[in-house]
């Protein structure tokens, strides 16, 4: 590996000038010649981004730079941006290299998640770093359809329990793509917990978007336990938006009224949202406060 010496600042200004031309007509080999580890990081990133955008034409110059300077993080990123099978194979070989920046490597492989071994993804999901967990979640999306509901929930559970909203929300968005009762039930559990507000709202939207009989029943159960709280209003709004399940909701409300689990006054806002009236299920007008 060649050790690079810093490049004079005047040369940096010239490179920036070339990159700033519109359109920028620098070829992939020219971009590679401009690259030097001694240049400022911002300039190196700009060069490799343009190099990766050359796709197939950028592959060999990028590989040549790695041979010369080693697998620098910015060069791994450029390699992934080329979207070439040879780039994927080169990146996969670095999975066993402990000296490689793991986060950059996983992000560079984001377009080939199916080829990344599941144990590697699980390792990322269990890492304490938020960035690493999110990178693992990006890769898990490629495996999600190949896993059982139990397997998927096992992998996503550490993220659902993460106190950082971006991590938990990423897991919620993955689970909502599947409508198996186990996964839908876990999303409903988030609504029953004292989750951070963004996480709670993401779970509410997820259940509402699933739109199955199971998700509707779980939303209704969550509303029953949350009555008298500000969140009950949000749950009612979500239930009121389930227009494809009006008959199911009316039927459930009728049973709840018959069992004295709710009052006509409590269900009135929901029925109004569904375009009905309390007497449609109870036969009587709601009491006035």
C-alpha atoms as a PDB file:
ATOM      1  CA  UNK A   1       0.000   0.000   0.000  1.00  0.00           C
ATOM      2  CA  UNK A   2       1.371   3.416  -0.973  1.00  0.00           C
ATOM      3  CA  UNK A   3       1.527   6.060   1.723  1.00  0.00           C
ATOM      4  CA  UNK A   4       0.222   9.308   0.336  1.00  0.00           C
ATOM      5  CA  UNK A   5       1.666  12.740   0.962  1.00  0.00           C
ATOM      6  CA  UNK A   6      -0.567  15.815   1.375  1.00  0.00           C
ATOM      7  CA  UNK A   7      -1.463  17.617  -1.814  1.00  0.00           C
ATOM      8  CA  UNK A   8      -0.861  21.397  -2.027  1.00  0.00           C
ATOM      9  CA  UNK A   9      -3.899  23.566  -1.300  1.00  0.00           C
ATOM     10  CA  UNK A  10      -3.658  25.338  -4.620  1.00  0.00           C
ATOM     11  CA  UNK A  11      -4.230  22.022  -6.379  1.00  0.00           C
ATOM     12  CA  UNK A  12      -7.335  21.463  -4.234  1.00  0.00           C
ATOM     13  CA  UNK A  13      -8.816  24.710  -5.472  1.00  0.00           C
ATOM     14  CA  UNK A  14      -8.246  23.611  -9.057  1.00  0.00           C
ATOM     15  CA  UNK A  15     -10.022  20.306  -8.435  1.00  0.00           C
ATOM     16  CA  UNK A  16     -12.980  22.090  -6.852  1.00  0.00           C
ATOM     17  CA  UNK A  17     -13.128  24.349  -9.882  1.00  0.00           C
ATOM     18  CA  UNK A  18     -13.294  21.350 -12.203  1.00  0.00           C
ATOM     19  CA  UNK A  19     -15.992  19.694 -10.105  1.00  0.00           C
ATOM     20  CA  UNK A  20     -18.013  22.892 -10.036  1.00  0.00           C
ATOM     21  CA  UNK A  21     -18.305  23.141 -13.810  1.00  0.00           C
ATOM     22  CA  UNK A  22     -21.801  22.550 -15.178  1.00  0.00           C
ATOM     23  CA  UNK A  23     -21.918  20.107 -16.703  1.00  0.00           C
ATOM     24  CA  UNK A  24     -18.956  18.378 -15.107  1.00  0.00           C
ATOM     25  CA  UNK A  25     -17.234  16.513 -17.928  1.00  0.00           C
ATOM     26  CA  UNK A  26     -14.543  14.784 -15.870  1.00  0.00           C
ATOM     27  CA  UNK A  27     -14.222  11.138 -16.840  1.00  0.00           C
ATOM     28  CA  UNK A  28     -13.920   8.336 -14.293  1.00  0.00           C
ATOM     29  CA  UNK A  29     -10.142   7.969 -14.857  1.00  0.00           C
ATOM     30  CA  UNK A  30      -9.719  11.723 -14.434  1.00  0.00           C
ATOM     31  CA  UNK A  31     -11.645  11.684 -11.169  1.00  0.00           C
ATOM     32  CA  UNK A  32      -9.480   8.821  -9.959  1.00  0.00           C
ATOM     33  CA  UNK A  33      -6.311  10.751 -10.821  1.00  0.00           C
ATOM     34  CA  UNK A  34      -7.553  13.698  -8.783  1.00  0.00           C
ATOM     35  CA  UNK A  35      -8.219  11.503  -5.744  1.00  0.00           C
ATOM     36  CA  UNK A  36      -5.535  11.530  -3.065  1.00  0.00           C
ATOM     37  CA  UNK A  37      -5.799  10.609   0.657  1.00  0.00           C
ATOM     38  CA  UNK A  38      -3.913  13.807   1.448  1.00  0.00           C
ATOM     39  CA  UNK A  39      -6.710  15.996   0.126  1.00  0.00           C
ATOM     40  CA  UNK A  40      -9.376  17.394   2.513  1.00  0.00           C
ATOM     41  CA  UNK A  41     -12.126  14.933   3.397  1.00  0.00           C
ATOM     42  CA  UNK A  42     -14.884  17.036   1.832  1.00  0.00           C
ATOM     43  CA  UNK A  43     -13.053  17.058  -1.474  1.00  0.00           C
ATOM     44  CA  UNK A  44     -12.325  13.323  -1.324  1.00  0.00           C
ATOM     45  CA  UNK A  45     -16.015  12.614  -0.724  1.00  0.00           C
ATOM     46  CA  UNK A  46     -17.031  14.809  -3.649  1.00  0.00           C
ATOM     47  CA  UNK A  47     -14.607  13.007  -5.938  1.00  0.00           C
ATOM     48  CA  UNK A  48     -15.652   9.478  -4.998  1.00  0.00           C
ATOM     49  CA  UNK A  49     -19.334  10.381  -5.227  1.00  0.00           C
ATOM     50  CA  UNK A  50     -18.831  11.502  -8.814  1.00  0.00           C
ATOM     51  CA  UNK A  51     -16.716   8.412  -9.444  1.00  0.00           C
ATOM     52  CA  UNK A  52     -19.426   6.080  -8.143  1.00  0.00           C
ATOM     53  CA  UNK A  53     -22.031   7.835 -10.270  1.00  0.00           C
ATOM     54  CA  UNK A  54     -20.130   6.708 -13.352  1.00  0.00           C
ATOM     55  CA  UNK A  55     -21.429   3.205 -12.532  1.00  0.00           C
ATOM     56  CA  UNK A  56     -19.717   0.618 -14.747  1.00  0.00           C
ATOM     57  CA  UNK A  57     -17.110   3.107 -15.994  1.00  0.00           C
ATOM     58  CA  UNK A  58     -16.240   3.986 -12.397  1.00  0.00           C
ATOM     59  CA  UNK A  59     -15.709   0.401 -11.237  1.00  0.00           C
ATOM     60  CA  UNK A  60     -12.155  -0.263 -12.419  1.00  0.00           C
ATOM     61  CA  UNK A  61     -10.778   3.167 -11.427  1.00  0.00           C
ATOM     62  CA  UNK A  62     -12.326   2.677  -7.987  1.00  0.00           C
ATOM     63  CA  UNK A  63     -10.800  -0.804  -7.619  1.00  0.00           C
ATOM     64  CA  UNK A  64      -7.448   0.577  -8.742  1.00  0.00           C
ATOM     65  CA  UNK A  65      -7.601   3.267  -6.045  1.00  0.00           C
ATOM     66  CA  UNK A  66      -8.354   0.609  -3.413  1.00  0.00           C
ATOM     67  CA  UNK A  67      -5.367  -1.418  -4.611  1.00  0.00           C
ATOM     68  CA  UNK A  68      -3.206   1.668  -4.263  1.00  0.00           C
ATOM     69  CA  UNK A  69      -4.464   3.252  -1.049  1.00  0.00           C
ATOM     70  CA  UNK A  70      -6.309   0.437   0.642  1.00  0.00           C
ATOM     71  CA  UNK A  71     -10.055   0.124   1.458  1.00  0.00           C
ATOM     72  CA  UNK A  72     -10.590   3.678   2.645  1.00  0.00           C
ATOM     73  CA  UNK A  73     -14.192   4.364   3.793  1.00  0.00           C
ATOM     74  CA  UNK A  74     -14.867   6.791   0.958  1.00  0.00           C
ATOM     75  CA  UNK A  75     -13.595   4.297  -1.623  1.00  0.00           C
ATOM     76  CA  UNK A  76     -15.856   1.557  -0.227  1.00  0.00           C
ATOM     77  CA  UNK A  77     -18.755   3.977  -0.531  1.00  0.00           C
ATOM     78  CA  UNK A  78     -17.863   4.727  -4.154  1.00  0.00           C
ATOM     79  CA  UNK A  79     -17.594   1.017  -4.888  1.00  0.00           C
ATOM     80  CA  UNK A  80     -21.136   0.474  -3.628  1.00  0.00           C
ATOM     81  CA  UNK A  81     -22.431   3.387  -5.679  1.00  0.00           C
ATOM     82  CA  UNK A  82     -21.317   1.753  -8.923  1.00  0.00           C
ATOM     83  CA  UNK A  83     -24.001  -0.948  -8.448  1.00  0.00           C
ATOM     84  CA  UNK A  84     -21.840  -3.488 -10.297  1.00  0.00           C
ATOM     85  CA  UNK A  85     -21.745  -7.226  -9.434  1.00  0.00           C
ATOM     86  CA  UNK A  86     -17.944  -7.074  -9.216  1.00  0.00           C
ATOM     87  CA  UNK A  87     -18.243  -4.249  -6.696  1.00  0.00           C
ATOM     88  CA  UNK A  88     -20.629  -6.348  -4.624  1.00  0.00           C
ATOM     89  CA  UNK A  89     -18.240  -9.309  -4.657  1.00  0.00           C
ATOM     90  CA  UNK A  90     -15.340  -7.090  -3.599  1.00  0.00           C
ATOM     91  CA  UNK A  91     -17.335  -5.597  -0.735  1.00  0.00           C
ATOM     92  CA  UNK A  92     -18.530  -8.990   0.475  1.00  0.00           C
ATOM     93  CA  UNK A  93     -14.947 -10.177   0.764  1.00  0.00           C
ATOM     94  CA  UNK A  94     -14.301  -7.448   3.322  1.00  0.00           C
ATOM     95  CA  UNK A  95     -16.930  -8.834   5.719  1.00  0.00           C
ATOM     96  CA  UNK A  96     -14.270 -11.000   7.344  1.00  0.00           C
ATOM     97  CA  UNK A  97     -11.774  -8.163   7.654  1.00  0.00           C
ATOM     98  CA  UNK A  98     -11.786  -6.777  11.240  1.00  0.00           C
ATOM     99  CA  UNK A  99      -9.848  -3.702  10.135  1.00  0.00           C
ATOM    100  CA  UNK A 100     -12.606  -2.406   7.860  1.00  0.00           C
ATOM    101  CA  UNK A 101     -15.004   0.334   8.962  1.00  0.00           C
ATOM    102  CA  UNK A 102     -18.014  -1.922   9.571  1.00  0.00           C
ATOM    103  CA  UNK A 103     -20.650   0.774   9.319  1.00  0.00           C
ATOM    104  CA  UNK A 104     -19.361   2.090   5.999  1.00  0.00           C
ATOM    105  CA  UNK A 105     -19.122  -1.455   4.652  1.00  0.00           C
ATOM    106  CA  UNK A 106     -22.718  -2.310   5.566  1.00  0.00           C
ATOM    107  CA  UNK A 107     -23.985   0.952   4.117  1.00  0.00           C
ATOM    108  CA  UNK A 108     -22.059   0.273   0.918  1.00  0.00           C
ATOM    109  CA  UNK A 109     -23.765  -3.131   0.704  1.00  0.00           C
ATOM    110  CA  UNK A 110     -27.243  -1.660   1.196  1.00  0.00           C
ATOM    111  CA  UNK A 111     -28.249  -2.457  -2.384  1.00  0.00           C
ATOM    112  CA  UNK A 112     -27.303  -6.132  -2.016  1.00  0.00           C
ATOM    113  CA  UNK A 113     -28.894  -7.006   1.304  1.00  0.00           C
ATOM    114  CA  UNK A 114     -29.976 -10.457   0.118  1.00  0.00           C
ATOM    115  CA  UNK A 115     -26.318 -11.465  -0.312  1.00  0.00           C
ATOM    116  CA  UNK A 116     -25.280 -10.286   3.162  1.00  0.00           C
ATOM    117  CA  UNK A 117     -25.341 -13.270   5.562  1.00  0.00           C
ATOM    118  CA  UNK A 118     -28.099 -13.071   8.158  1.00  0.00           C
ATOM    119  CA  UNK A 119     -25.663 -13.456  11.117  1.00  0.00           C
ATOM    120  CA  UNK A 120     -23.861 -10.314   9.913  1.00  0.00           C
ATOM    121  CA  UNK A 121     -27.161  -8.444   9.885  1.00  0.00           C
ATOM    122  CA  UNK A 122     -28.118  -9.762  13.316  1.00  0.00           C
ATOM    123  CA  UNK A 123     -24.781  -8.567  14.662  1.00  0.00           C
ATOM    124  CA  UNK A 124     -25.532  -5.083  13.358  1.00  0.00           C
ATOM    125  CA  UNK A 125     -29.049  -5.101  14.822  1.00  0.00           C
ATOM    126  CA  UNK A 126     -27.658  -5.920  18.262  1.00  0.00           C
ATOM    127  CA  UNK A 127     -24.921  -3.295  18.093  1.00  0.00           C
ATOM    128  CA  UNK A 128     -25.402  -0.410  20.573  1.00  0.00           C
ATOM    129  CA  UNK A 129     -24.808   2.233  17.881  1.00  0.00           C
ATOM    130  CA  UNK A 130     -27.941   3.771  16.371  1.00  0.00           C
ATOM    131  CA  UNK A 131     -26.266   4.123  12.973  1.00  0.00           C
ATOM    132  CA  UNK A 132     -25.232   0.464  12.980  1.00  0.00           C
ATOM    133  CA  UNK A 133     -28.709  -0.723  13.935  1.00  0.00           C
ATOM    134  CA  UNK A 134     -30.286   1.330  11.156  1.00  0.00           C
ATOM    135  CA  UNK A 135     -27.780  -0.035   8.643  1.00  0.00           C
ATOM    136  CA  UNK A 136     -28.679  -3.552   9.754  1.00  0.00           C
ATOM    137  CA  UNK A 137     -32.374  -2.776   9.343  1.00  0.00           C
ATOM    138  CA  UNK A 138     -31.787  -1.568   5.783  1.00  0.00           C
ATOM    139  CA  UNK A 139     -30.196  -4.921   5.006  1.00  0.00           C
ATOM    140  CA  UNK A 140     -32.845  -6.941   6.862  1.00  0.00           C
ATOM    141  CA  UNK A 141     -35.530  -5.655   4.494  1.00  0.00           C
ATOM    142  CA  UNK A 142     -34.097  -7.897   1.773  1.00  0.00           C
ATOM    143  CA  UNK A 143     -34.458 -10.970   4.004  1.00  0.00           C
ATOM    144  CA  UNK A 144     -37.798 -10.127   5.613  1.00  0.00           C
ATOM    145  CA  UNK A 145     -39.997 -12.020   3.148  1.00  0.00           C
ATOM    146  CA  UNK A 146     -37.868 -15.141   3.533  1.00  0.00           C
ATOM    147  CA  UNK A 147     -38.291 -15.285   7.322  1.00  0.00           C
ATOM    148  CA  UNK A 148     -41.149 -16.576   9.412  1.00  0.00           C
ATOM    149  CA  UNK A 149     -43.034 -14.109  11.578  1.00  0.00           C
ATOM    150  CA  UNK A 150     -41.294 -15.517  14.676  1.00  0.00           C
ATOM    151  CA  UNK A 151     -37.851 -15.147  13.101  1.00  0.00           C
ATOM    152  CA  UNK A 152     -38.530 -11.609  11.945  1.00  0.00           C
ATOM    153  CA  UNK A 153     -39.885 -10.528  15.319  1.00  0.00           C
ATOM    154  CA  UNK A 154     -36.885 -12.077  17.079  1.00  0.00           C
ATOM    155  CA  UNK A 155     -34.547  -9.962  14.961  1.00  0.00           C
ATOM    156  CA  UNK A 156     -36.609  -6.787  15.269  1.00  0.00           C
ATOM    157  CA  UNK A 157     -37.321  -7.025  19.008  1.00  0.00           C
ATOM    158  CA  UNK A 158     -34.117  -5.275  20.187  1.00  0.00           C
ATOM    159  CA  UNK A 159     -34.988  -2.332  17.931  1.00  0.00           C
ATOM    160  CA  UNK A 160     -38.593  -2.121  19.127  1.00  0.00           C
ATOM    161  CA  UNK A 161     -37.266  -1.863  22.678  1.00  0.00           C
ATOM    162  CA  UNK A 162     -34.741   0.832  21.749  1.00  0.00           C
ATOM    163  CA  UNK A 163     -35.498   4.167  23.404  1.00  0.00           C
ATOM    164  CA  UNK A 164     -34.263   6.059  20.331  1.00  0.00           C
ATOM    165  CA  UNK A 165     -37.282   6.825  18.101  1.00  0.00           C
ATOM    166  CA  UNK A 166     -35.508   6.434  14.711  1.00  0.00           C
ATOM    167  CA  UNK A 167     -34.494   2.876  15.604  1.00  0.00           C
ATOM    168  CA  UNK A 168     -37.891   1.763  16.906  1.00  0.00           C
ATOM    169  CA  UNK A 169     -39.723   3.439  14.020  1.00  0.00           C
ATOM    170  CA  UNK A 170     -37.535   1.594  11.488  1.00  0.00           C
ATOM    171  CA  UNK A 171     -38.578  -1.706  13.078  1.00  0.00           C
ATOM    172  CA  UNK A 172     -42.257  -0.705  13.082  1.00  0.00           C
ATOM    173  CA  UNK A 173     -42.160   0.154   9.384  1.00  0.00           C
ATOM    174  CA  UNK A 174     -40.635  -3.215   8.595  1.00  0.00           C
ATOM    175  CA  UNK A 175     -43.179  -5.197  10.617  1.00  0.00           C
ATOM    176  CA  UNK A 176     -46.174  -3.361   9.148  1.00  0.00           C
ATOM    177  CA  UNK A 177     -45.378  -4.835   5.733  1.00  0.00           C
ATOM    178  CA  UNK A 178     -46.523  -8.199   7.053  1.00  0.00           C
ATOM    179  CA  UNK A 179     -50.051  -8.754   8.352  1.00  0.00           C
ATOM    180  CA  UNK A 180     -49.450 -11.921  10.375  1.00  0.00           C
ATOM    181  CA  UNK A 181     -51.295 -11.789  13.722  1.00  0.00           C
ATOM    182  CA  UNK A 182     -48.053 -12.164  15.710  1.00  0.00           C
ATOM    183  CA  UNK A 183     -46.510  -9.065  14.160  1.00  0.00           C
ATOM    184  CA  UNK A 184     -49.718  -7.053  14.222  1.00  0.00           C
ATOM    185  CA  UNK A 185     -50.116  -7.926  17.889  1.00  0.00           C
ATOM    186  CA  UNK A 186     -46.604  -6.696  18.645  1.00  0.00           C
ATOM    187  CA  UNK A 187     -47.388  -3.364  16.999  1.00  0.00           C
ATOM    188  CA  UNK A 188     -50.519  -3.071  19.116  1.00  0.00           C
ATOM    189  CA  UNK A 189     -48.396  -3.730  22.188  1.00  0.00           C
ATOM    190  CA  UNK A 190     -46.435  -0.570  21.403  1.00  0.00           C
ATOM    191  CA  UNK A 191     -49.703   1.365  21.688  1.00  0.00           C
ATOM    192  CA  UNK A 192     -50.287  -0.112  25.137  1.00  0.00           C
ATOM    193  CA  UNK A 193     -46.829   0.894  26.347  1.00  0.00           C
ATOM    194  CA  UNK A 194     -45.473   4.262  27.415  1.00  0.00           C
ATOM    195  CA  UNK A 195     -43.552   4.617  24.169  1.00  0.00           C
ATOM    196  CA  UNK A 196     -42.001   7.908  23.020  1.00  0.00           C
ATOM    197  CA  UNK A 197     -44.578   9.983  21.162  1.00  0.00           C
ATOM    198  CA  UNK A 198     -43.052   9.553  17.656  1.00  0.00           C
ATOM    199  CA  UNK A 199     -42.848   5.779  18.184  1.00  0.00           C
ATOM    200  CA  UNK A 200     -46.428   5.574  19.450  1.00  0.00           C
ATOM    201  CA  UNK A 201     -47.687   7.576  16.480  1.00  0.00           C
ATOM    202  CA  UNK A 202     -45.732   5.396  14.042  1.00  0.00           C
ATOM    203  CA  UNK A 203     -47.292   2.257  15.538  1.00  0.00           C
ATOM    204  CA  UNK A 204     -50.752   3.835  15.303  1.00  0.00           C
ATOM    205  CA  UNK A 205     -50.266   4.675  11.626  1.00  0.00           C
ATOM    206  CA  UNK A 206     -48.869   1.199  11.002  1.00  0.00           C
ATOM    207  CA  UNK A 207     -51.899  -0.569  12.473  1.00  0.00           C
ATOM    208  CA  UNK A 208     -54.218   1.741  10.598  1.00  0.00           C
ATOM    209  CA  UNK A 209     -52.464   1.081   7.289  1.00  0.00           C
ATOM    210  CA  UNK A 210     -52.589  -2.712   7.699  1.00  0.00           C
ATOM    211  CA  UNK A 211     -56.377  -2.569   7.603  1.00  0.00           C
ATOM    212  CA  UNK A 212     -57.173  -6.209   8.441  1.00  0.00           C
ATOM    213  CA  UNK A 213     -59.810  -7.596  10.790  1.00  0.00           C
ATOM    214  CA  UNK A 214     -57.081  -8.345  13.319  1.00  0.00           C
ATOM    215  CA  UNK A 215     -55.613  -4.843  13.201  1.00  0.00           C
ATOM    216  CA  UNK A 216     -59.070  -3.227  13.514  1.00  0.00           C
ATOM    217  CA  UNK A 217     -59.937  -5.322  16.555  1.00  0.00           C
ATOM    218  CA  UNK A 218     -56.602  -4.510  18.166  1.00  0.00           C
ATOM    219  CA  UNK A 219     -57.070  -0.784  17.535  1.00  0.00           C
ATOM    220  CA  UNK A 220     -60.475  -0.992  19.170  1.00  0.00           C
ATOM    221  CA  UNK A 221     -59.032  -2.803  22.182  1.00  0.00           C
ATOM    222  CA  UNK A 222     -56.336  -0.159  22.504  1.00  0.00           C
ATOM    223  CA  UNK A 223     -59.006   2.533  22.453  1.00  0.00           C
ATOM    224  CA  UNK A 224     -60.935   0.762  25.208  1.00  0.00           C
ATOM    225  CA  UNK A 225     -57.902   0.719  27.487  1.00  0.00           C
ATOM    226  CA  UNK A 226     -56.929   4.299  26.634  1.00  0.00           C
ATOM    227  CA  UNK A 227     -60.346   5.902  27.159  1.00  0.00           C
ATOM    228  CA  UNK A 228     -60.143   9.149  29.061  1.00  0.00           C
ATOM    229  CA  UNK A 229     -56.635   9.958  27.806  1.00  0.00           C
ATOM    230  CA  UNK A 230     -55.475  12.228  24.956  1.00  0.00           C
ATOM    231  CA  UNK A 231     -54.349   9.152  23.012  1.00  0.00           C
ATOM    232  CA  UNK A 232     -57.926   7.880  22.924  1.00  0.00           C
ATOM    233  CA  UNK A 233     -58.802  10.749  20.586  1.00  0.00           C
ATOM    234  CA  UNK A 234     -56.036   9.749  18.167  1.00  0.00           C
ATOM    235  CA  UNK A 235     -57.180   6.131  18.283  1.00  0.00           C
ATOM    236  CA  UNK A 236     -60.730   7.183  17.491  1.00  0.00           C
ATOM    237  CA  UNK A 237     -59.527   9.191  14.505  1.00  0.00           C
ATOM    238  CA  UNK A 238     -57.635   6.174  13.199  1.00  0.00           C
ATOM    239  CA  UNK A 239     -60.640   3.903  13.694  1.00  0.00           C
ATOM    240  CA  UNK A 240     -62.881   6.435  12.012  1.00  0.00           C
ATOM    241  CA  UNK A 241     -60.656   6.292   8.936  1.00  0.00           C
ATOM    242  CA  UNK A 242     -61.228   2.546   8.480  1.00  0.00           C
ATOM    243  CA  UNK A 243     -63.998   2.983   5.933  1.00  0.00           C
ATOM    244  CA  UNK A 244     -63.560  -0.495   4.478  1.00  0.00           C
ATOM    245  CA  UNK A 245     -64.437  -1.993   7.853  1.00  0.00           C
ATOM    246  CA  UNK A 246     -67.498   0.045   8.823  1.00  0.00           C
ATOM    247  CA  UNK A 247     -69.665  -3.044   9.190  1.00  0.00           C
ATOM    248  CA  UNK A 248     -67.140  -4.739  11.467  1.00  0.00           C
ATOM    249  CA  UNK A 249     -66.782  -1.659  13.649  1.00  0.00           C
ATOM    250  CA  UNK A 250     -70.546  -1.188  13.966  1.00  0.00           C
ATOM    251  CA  UNK A 251     -70.900  -4.834  14.933  1.00  0.00           C
ATOM    252  CA  UNK A 252     -68.184  -4.590  17.564  1.00  0.00           C
ATOM    253  CA  UNK A 253     -69.612  -1.380  18.975  1.00  0.00           C
ATOM    254  CA  UNK A 254     -73.057  -2.970  19.209  1.00  0.00           C
ATOM    255  CA  UNK A 255     -71.632  -5.833  21.270  1.00  0.00           C
ATOM    256  CA  UNK A 256     -69.670  -3.466  23.508  1.00  0.00           C
ATOM    257  CA  UNK A 257     -72.805  -1.411  24.160  1.00  0.00           C
ATOM    258  CA  UNK A 258     -74.849  -4.517  24.917  1.00  0.00           C
ATOM    259  CA  UNK A 259     -72.186  -5.647  27.363  1.00  0.00           C
ATOM    260  CA  UNK A 260     -72.121  -2.181  28.992  1.00  0.00           C
ATOM    261  CA  UNK A 261     -68.398  -1.847  28.282  1.00  0.00           C
ATOM    262  CA  UNK A 262     -68.925   1.530  26.611  1.00  0.00           C
ATOM    263  CA  UNK A 263     -71.605   4.173  26.559  1.00  0.00           C
ATOM    264  CA  UNK A 264     -73.414   5.630  23.573  1.00  0.00           C
ATOM    265  CA  UNK A 265     -71.807   8.964  24.356  1.00  0.00           C
ATOM    266  CA  UNK A 266     -68.326   7.440  24.153  1.00  0.00           C
ATOM    267  CA  UNK A 267     -68.896   5.816  20.763  1.00  0.00           C
ATOM    268  CA  UNK A 268     -70.681   8.825  19.268  1.00  0.00           C
ATOM    269  CA  UNK A 269     -67.448  10.429  17.884  1.00  0.00           C
ATOM    270  CA  UNK A 270     -66.459   7.181  16.203  1.00  0.00           C
ATOM    271  CA  UNK A 271     -69.862   6.657  14.640  1.00  0.00           C
ATOM    272  CA  UNK A 272     -69.876  10.230  13.403  1.00  0.00           C
ATOM    273  CA  UNK A 273     -66.523   9.585  11.738  1.00  0.00           C
ATOM    274  CA  UNK A 274     -67.997   6.506  10.080  1.00  0.00           C
ATOM    275  CA  UNK A 275     -70.973   8.508   8.826  1.00  0.00           C
ATOM    276  CA  UNK A 276     -73.453   6.945  11.247  1.00  0.00           C
ATOM    277  CA  UNK A 277     -75.258   7.832  14.457  1.00  0.00           C
ATOM    278  CA  UNK A 278     -75.356   6.235  17.924  1.00  0.00           C
ATOM    279  CA  UNK A 279     -78.892   4.939  17.400  1.00  0.00           C
ATOM    280  CA  UNK A 280     -77.551   2.862  14.507  1.00  0.00           C
ATOM    281  CA  UNK A 281     -76.044   0.482  17.051  1.00  0.00           C
ATOM    282  CA  UNK A 282     -77.804   1.274  20.320  1.00  0.00           C
ATOM    283  CA  UNK A 283     -81.254   2.391  19.320  1.00  0.00           C
ATOM    284  CA  UNK A 284     -81.053   5.439  21.570  1.00  0.00           C
ATOM    285  CA  UNK A 285     -79.602   8.892  21.545  1.00  0.00           C
ATOM    286  CA  UNK A 286     -76.399   9.556  23.515  1.00  0.00           C
ATOM    287  CA  UNK A 287     -76.706  11.411  26.794  1.00  0.00           C
ATOM    288  CA  UNK A 288     -75.725  15.047  26.688  1.00  0.00           C
ATOM    289  CA  UNK A 289     -73.022  16.317  29.009  1.00  0.00           C
END
